[in-house]
N, C-alpha and C. Protein backbone atom coordinates (compact mmCIF):
# COMPACT_ATOMS: atom_id res chain seq x y z
N UNK A 1 -12.04 173.16 17.30
CA UNK A 1 -12.54 171.82 17.55
C UNK A 1 -13.85 171.92 18.34
N UNK A 2 -14.89 171.23 17.93
CA UNK A 2 -16.18 171.31 18.62
C UNK A 2 -16.13 170.61 19.99
N UNK A 3 -16.99 171.08 20.89
CA UNK A 3 -17.14 170.42 22.18
C UNK A 3 -17.70 169.02 21.95
N UNK A 4 -17.19 168.07 22.68
CA UNK A 4 -17.69 166.71 22.61
C UNK A 4 -18.43 166.38 23.90
N UNK A 5 -19.43 165.52 23.84
CA UNK A 5 -20.11 165.11 25.07
C UNK A 5 -19.12 164.48 26.04
N UNK A 6 -19.33 164.74 27.32
CA UNK A 6 -18.47 164.16 28.35
C UNK A 6 -19.33 163.52 29.42
N UNK A 7 -18.77 162.53 30.06
CA UNK A 7 -19.45 161.85 31.17
C UNK A 7 -18.44 161.69 32.29
N UNK A 8 -18.84 162.10 33.49
CA UNK A 8 -17.96 161.97 34.65
C UNK A 8 -18.76 161.32 35.77
N UNK A 9 -18.23 160.27 36.36
CA UNK A 9 -18.83 159.65 37.53
C UNK A 9 -18.38 160.46 38.74
N UNK A 10 -19.24 161.36 39.21
CA UNK A 10 -18.86 162.30 40.27
C UNK A 10 -18.46 161.60 41.56
N UNK A 11 -19.20 160.57 41.95
CA UNK A 11 -18.87 159.91 43.21
C UNK A 11 -17.58 159.11 43.10
N UNK A 12 -17.29 158.60 41.92
CA UNK A 12 -16.01 157.91 41.72
C UNK A 12 -14.85 158.91 41.80
N UNK A 13 -15.00 160.05 41.13
CA UNK A 13 -13.96 161.09 41.17
C UNK A 13 -13.77 161.63 42.59
N UNK A 14 -14.85 161.66 43.37
CA UNK A 14 -14.78 162.18 44.73
C UNK A 14 -13.89 161.33 45.63
N UNK A 15 -13.69 160.08 45.27
CA UNK A 15 -12.82 159.21 46.06
C UNK A 15 -11.36 159.67 46.03
N UNK A 16 -11.02 160.51 45.04
CA UNK A 16 -9.64 161.00 44.87
C UNK A 16 -9.44 162.37 45.53
N UNK A 17 -10.33 162.78 46.43
CA UNK A 17 -10.34 164.14 46.96
C UNK A 17 -9.02 164.57 47.58
N UNK A 18 -8.24 163.64 48.12
CA UNK A 18 -6.96 164.01 48.76
C UNK A 18 -5.99 164.63 47.76
N UNK A 19 -6.16 164.35 46.47
CA UNK A 19 -5.25 164.88 45.44
C UNK A 19 -5.73 166.21 44.86
N UNK A 20 -6.93 166.68 45.23
CA UNK A 20 -7.46 167.91 44.68
C UNK A 20 -6.74 169.11 45.29
N UNK A 21 -6.60 170.19 44.55
CA UNK A 21 -5.98 171.39 45.11
C UNK A 21 -6.86 172.02 46.21
N UNK A 22 -6.19 172.67 47.15
CA UNK A 22 -6.91 173.40 48.19
C UNK A 22 -7.50 174.68 47.61
N UNK A 23 -8.78 174.89 47.85
CA UNK A 23 -9.42 176.16 47.51
C UNK A 23 -9.16 177.15 48.64
N UNK A 24 -9.29 176.64 49.84
CA UNK A 24 -8.95 177.36 51.08
C UNK A 24 -8.81 176.30 52.16
N UNK A 25 -8.35 176.66 53.32
CA UNK A 25 -8.10 175.69 54.38
C UNK A 25 -9.33 174.82 54.61
N UNK A 26 -9.18 173.50 54.45
CA UNK A 26 -10.26 172.56 54.70
C UNK A 26 -11.24 172.36 53.56
N UNK A 27 -11.03 173.06 52.44
CA UNK A 27 -11.95 172.93 51.30
C UNK A 27 -11.11 172.63 50.06
N UNK A 28 -11.38 171.51 49.44
CA UNK A 28 -10.67 171.11 48.21
C UNK A 28 -11.60 171.23 47.02
N UNK A 29 -11.00 171.47 45.83
CA UNK A 29 -11.78 171.70 44.62
C UNK A 29 -11.27 170.83 43.48
N UNK A 30 -12.22 170.31 42.71
CA UNK A 30 -11.91 169.63 41.46
C UNK A 30 -12.75 170.30 40.38
N UNK A 31 -12.11 171.11 39.53
CA UNK A 31 -12.81 171.80 38.46
C UNK A 31 -13.15 170.78 37.37
N UNK A 32 -14.43 170.71 37.02
CA UNK A 32 -14.89 169.77 36.01
C UNK A 32 -15.03 170.43 34.64
N UNK A 33 -15.38 171.71 34.64
CA UNK A 33 -15.57 172.45 33.40
C UNK A 33 -15.38 173.92 33.68
N UNK A 34 -14.91 174.64 32.67
CA UNK A 34 -14.63 176.05 32.83
C UNK A 34 -15.13 176.79 31.59
N UNK A 35 -15.73 177.96 31.80
CA UNK A 35 -16.19 178.77 30.70
C UNK A 35 -15.04 179.23 29.83
N UNK A 36 -15.35 179.64 28.62
CA UNK A 36 -14.31 180.06 27.68
C UNK A 36 -13.49 181.22 28.20
N UNK A 37 -14.12 182.13 28.96
CA UNK A 37 -13.38 183.28 29.49
C UNK A 37 -12.77 183.00 30.86
N UNK A 38 -12.97 181.79 31.39
CA UNK A 38 -12.36 181.41 32.66
C UNK A 38 -13.12 181.85 33.90
N UNK A 39 -14.21 182.59 33.74
CA UNK A 39 -14.91 183.09 34.92
C UNK A 39 -15.91 182.09 35.49
N UNK A 40 -16.65 181.40 34.64
CA UNK A 40 -17.63 180.43 35.10
C UNK A 40 -17.00 179.06 35.25
N UNK A 41 -17.47 178.33 36.24
CA UNK A 41 -16.93 176.99 36.47
C UNK A 41 -18.00 176.06 36.99
N UNK A 42 -17.75 174.78 36.78
CA UNK A 42 -18.49 173.71 37.42
C UNK A 42 -17.43 172.88 38.14
N UNK A 43 -17.68 172.58 39.42
CA UNK A 43 -16.65 171.91 40.20
C UNK A 43 -17.28 171.06 41.31
N UNK A 44 -16.48 170.14 41.81
CA UNK A 44 -16.79 169.45 43.05
C UNK A 44 -16.02 170.17 44.15
N UNK A 45 -16.67 170.40 45.28
CA UNK A 45 -16.00 170.92 46.47
C UNK A 45 -16.16 169.90 47.58
N UNK A 46 -15.07 169.63 48.27
CA UNK A 46 -15.13 168.75 49.44
C UNK A 46 -14.70 169.54 50.66
N UNK A 47 -15.62 169.63 51.63
CA UNK A 47 -15.36 170.33 52.88
C UNK A 47 -14.96 169.31 53.95
N UNK A 48 -13.83 169.53 54.61
CA UNK A 48 -13.47 168.73 55.78
C UNK A 48 -14.45 169.07 56.90
N UNK A 49 -14.63 168.19 57.87
CA UNK A 49 -15.45 168.54 59.02
C UNK A 49 -14.93 169.83 59.67
N UNK A 50 -15.83 170.76 59.90
CA UNK A 50 -15.47 172.03 60.53
C UNK A 50 -15.00 173.11 59.57
N UNK A 51 -14.87 172.80 58.29
CA UNK A 51 -14.39 173.79 57.31
C UNK A 51 -15.45 174.85 57.05
N UNK A 52 -14.98 176.01 56.62
CA UNK A 52 -15.90 177.11 56.33
C UNK A 52 -15.34 178.01 55.24
N UNK A 53 -16.23 178.79 54.66
CA UNK A 53 -15.88 179.81 53.67
C UNK A 53 -16.46 181.11 54.21
N UNK A 54 -15.62 182.17 54.34
CA UNK A 54 -16.12 183.42 54.92
C UNK A 54 -17.17 184.11 54.05
N UNK A 55 -17.83 185.07 54.65
CA UNK A 55 -18.89 185.83 53.98
C UNK A 55 -18.38 186.37 52.64
N UNK A 56 -19.23 186.18 51.62
CA UNK A 56 -18.91 186.62 50.27
C UNK A 56 -20.19 186.99 49.54
N UNK A 57 -20.04 187.75 48.48
CA UNK A 57 -21.19 188.16 47.67
C UNK A 57 -21.05 187.55 46.28
N UNK A 58 -22.15 187.13 45.74
CA UNK A 58 -22.16 186.53 44.40
C UNK A 58 -22.41 187.60 43.36
N UNK A 59 -21.48 187.72 42.42
CA UNK A 59 -21.64 188.67 41.30
C UNK A 59 -22.45 188.06 40.17
N UNK A 60 -22.50 186.74 40.13
CA UNK A 60 -23.31 185.99 39.16
C UNK A 60 -24.06 184.90 39.89
N UNK A 61 -24.88 184.16 39.18
CA UNK A 61 -25.66 183.07 39.79
C UNK A 61 -24.75 181.92 40.21
N UNK A 62 -25.09 181.33 41.35
CA UNK A 62 -24.40 180.14 41.85
C UNK A 62 -25.46 179.08 42.10
N UNK A 63 -25.20 177.87 41.66
CA UNK A 63 -26.07 176.75 41.99
C UNK A 63 -25.24 175.67 42.66
N UNK A 64 -25.83 175.03 43.65
CA UNK A 64 -25.15 174.00 44.44
C UNK A 64 -26.07 172.81 44.57
N UNK A 65 -25.51 171.63 44.43
CA UNK A 65 -26.23 170.39 44.71
C UNK A 65 -25.41 169.64 45.75
N UNK A 66 -25.99 169.39 46.92
CA UNK A 66 -25.29 168.69 47.99
C UNK A 66 -25.36 167.19 47.70
N UNK A 67 -24.20 166.58 47.49
CA UNK A 67 -24.13 165.16 47.17
C UNK A 67 -24.02 164.28 48.41
N UNK A 68 -23.22 164.73 49.39
CA UNK A 68 -23.00 163.97 50.62
C UNK A 68 -22.86 164.95 51.78
N UNK A 69 -23.25 164.52 52.98
CA UNK A 69 -23.06 165.34 54.17
C UNK A 69 -24.03 166.50 54.23
N UNK A 70 -23.65 167.54 55.00
CA UNK A 70 -24.47 168.73 55.13
C UNK A 70 -23.63 169.99 55.03
N UNK A 71 -24.24 170.98 54.44
CA UNK A 71 -23.63 172.30 54.30
C UNK A 71 -24.59 173.30 54.95
N UNK A 72 -24.04 174.25 55.69
CA UNK A 72 -24.87 175.25 56.35
C UNK A 72 -24.54 176.63 55.79
N UNK A 73 -25.58 177.46 55.66
CA UNK A 73 -25.38 178.86 55.31
C UNK A 73 -26.37 179.69 56.11
N UNK A 74 -26.52 180.95 55.76
CA UNK A 74 -27.38 181.85 56.52
C UNK A 74 -28.85 181.45 56.47
N UNK A 75 -29.23 180.58 55.52
CA UNK A 75 -30.64 180.19 55.39
C UNK A 75 -30.94 178.86 56.07
N UNK A 76 -29.91 178.14 56.55
CA UNK A 76 -30.17 176.89 57.24
C UNK A 76 -29.17 175.80 56.92
N UNK A 77 -29.55 174.57 57.25
CA UNK A 77 -28.73 173.38 57.03
C UNK A 77 -29.29 172.63 55.84
N UNK A 78 -28.40 172.25 54.91
CA UNK A 78 -28.82 171.63 53.66
C UNK A 78 -28.12 170.28 53.52
N UNK A 79 -28.90 169.21 53.53
CA UNK A 79 -28.37 167.86 53.46
C UNK A 79 -28.30 167.32 52.05
N UNK A 80 -27.78 166.10 51.95
CA UNK A 80 -27.64 165.42 50.66
C UNK A 80 -28.97 165.43 49.92
N UNK A 81 -28.91 165.77 48.64
CA UNK A 81 -30.10 165.83 47.80
C UNK A 81 -30.67 167.24 47.67
N UNK A 82 -30.12 168.20 48.42
CA UNK A 82 -30.62 169.57 48.36
C UNK A 82 -29.98 170.31 47.20
N UNK A 83 -30.82 171.04 46.46
CA UNK A 83 -30.36 171.92 45.37
C UNK A 83 -30.59 173.35 45.81
N UNK A 84 -29.56 174.19 45.68
CA UNK A 84 -29.62 175.59 46.09
C UNK A 84 -29.31 176.47 44.90
N UNK A 85 -29.96 177.61 44.80
CA UNK A 85 -29.68 178.58 43.76
C UNK A 85 -29.55 179.95 44.40
N UNK A 86 -28.38 180.56 44.26
CA UNK A 86 -28.12 181.88 44.83
C UNK A 86 -27.97 182.89 43.69
N UNK A 87 -28.93 183.82 43.57
CA UNK A 87 -28.88 184.79 42.48
C UNK A 87 -27.80 185.85 42.71
N UNK A 88 -27.46 186.60 41.67
CA UNK A 88 -26.50 187.69 41.83
C UNK A 88 -26.94 188.62 42.96
N UNK A 89 -25.97 189.08 43.76
CA UNK A 89 -26.25 189.95 44.88
C UNK A 89 -26.42 189.23 46.20
N UNK A 90 -26.60 187.91 46.15
CA UNK A 90 -26.73 187.11 47.37
C UNK A 90 -25.40 187.12 48.12
N UNK A 91 -25.47 187.21 49.44
CA UNK A 91 -24.25 187.10 50.23
C UNK A 91 -24.50 186.16 51.41
N UNK A 92 -23.48 185.41 51.77
CA UNK A 92 -23.57 184.45 52.86
C UNK A 92 -22.19 183.92 53.20
N UNK A 93 -22.13 183.18 54.29
CA UNK A 93 -20.94 182.41 54.63
C UNK A 93 -21.37 180.94 54.61
N UNK A 94 -20.41 180.04 54.47
CA UNK A 94 -20.69 178.60 54.38
C UNK A 94 -19.89 177.89 55.46
N UNK A 95 -20.46 176.88 56.04
CA UNK A 95 -19.74 176.02 56.97
C UNK A 95 -20.28 174.60 56.86
N UNK A 96 -19.44 173.66 57.24
CA UNK A 96 -19.85 172.26 57.22
C UNK A 96 -19.28 171.57 58.47
N UNK A 97 -20.04 171.58 59.56
CA UNK A 97 -19.55 171.01 60.80
C UNK A 97 -19.11 169.54 60.69
N UNK A 98 -19.77 168.78 59.83
CA UNK A 98 -19.46 167.35 59.72
C UNK A 98 -18.84 166.97 58.38
N UNK A 99 -18.61 167.95 57.51
CA UNK A 99 -18.04 167.69 56.19
C UNK A 99 -19.12 167.45 55.15
N UNK A 100 -18.77 167.72 53.89
CA UNK A 100 -19.73 167.49 52.82
C UNK A 100 -19.03 167.49 51.46
N UNK A 101 -19.77 167.03 50.47
CA UNK A 101 -19.34 167.04 49.08
C UNK A 101 -20.45 167.71 48.30
N UNK A 102 -20.11 168.76 47.52
CA UNK A 102 -21.11 169.46 46.74
C UNK A 102 -20.65 169.61 45.29
N UNK A 103 -21.63 169.65 44.40
CA UNK A 103 -21.42 170.01 43.00
C UNK A 103 -21.84 171.47 42.90
N UNK A 104 -20.97 172.33 42.41
CA UNK A 104 -21.23 173.75 42.37
C UNK A 104 -20.99 174.30 40.97
N UNK A 105 -21.82 175.25 40.59
CA UNK A 105 -21.65 175.94 39.30
C UNK A 105 -21.80 177.43 39.57
N UNK A 106 -20.87 178.23 39.07
CA UNK A 106 -21.00 179.67 39.19
C UNK A 106 -20.60 180.33 37.89
N UNK A 107 -21.25 181.47 37.64
CA UNK A 107 -21.03 182.16 36.37
C UNK A 107 -19.95 183.25 36.48
N UNK A 108 -19.75 183.79 37.67
CA UNK A 108 -18.73 184.81 37.91
C UNK A 108 -18.09 184.54 39.28
N UNK A 109 -16.83 184.91 39.46
CA UNK A 109 -16.20 184.72 40.76
C UNK A 109 -16.92 185.50 41.86
N UNK A 110 -16.79 185.04 43.09
CA UNK A 110 -17.37 185.74 44.22
C UNK A 110 -16.41 186.82 44.71
N UNK A 111 -16.93 187.74 45.50
CA UNK A 111 -16.12 188.77 46.13
C UNK A 111 -16.24 188.59 47.65
N UNK A 112 -15.10 188.38 48.31
CA UNK A 112 -15.13 188.19 49.77
C UNK A 112 -15.31 189.53 50.46
N UNK A 113 -16.17 189.54 51.48
CA UNK A 113 -16.51 190.78 52.20
C UNK A 113 -15.66 190.94 53.43
């Protein structure tokens, strides 16, 4: 069956964040699309205030668009409207002191250091 065009209202779906599975403590995920082999994904991530993701290395490209709030990494603080691109080999940790909502796409899973 061929892929059909899809439309998702991201901010409307984000209102349901309490029902999303936990990715890790304080971070919830809603997978929007997944590659055929299961490695690449596009998802919404919602960080509770104070949530963090420990240092990890990207095996494939990761792109992030901050929709709400702020996300911090080793390069600084990134507010709503910021687009980030992390090439393979990039490593960092993530934190969100006040909480945030991001749209994220990655081509390969990360490896935690």
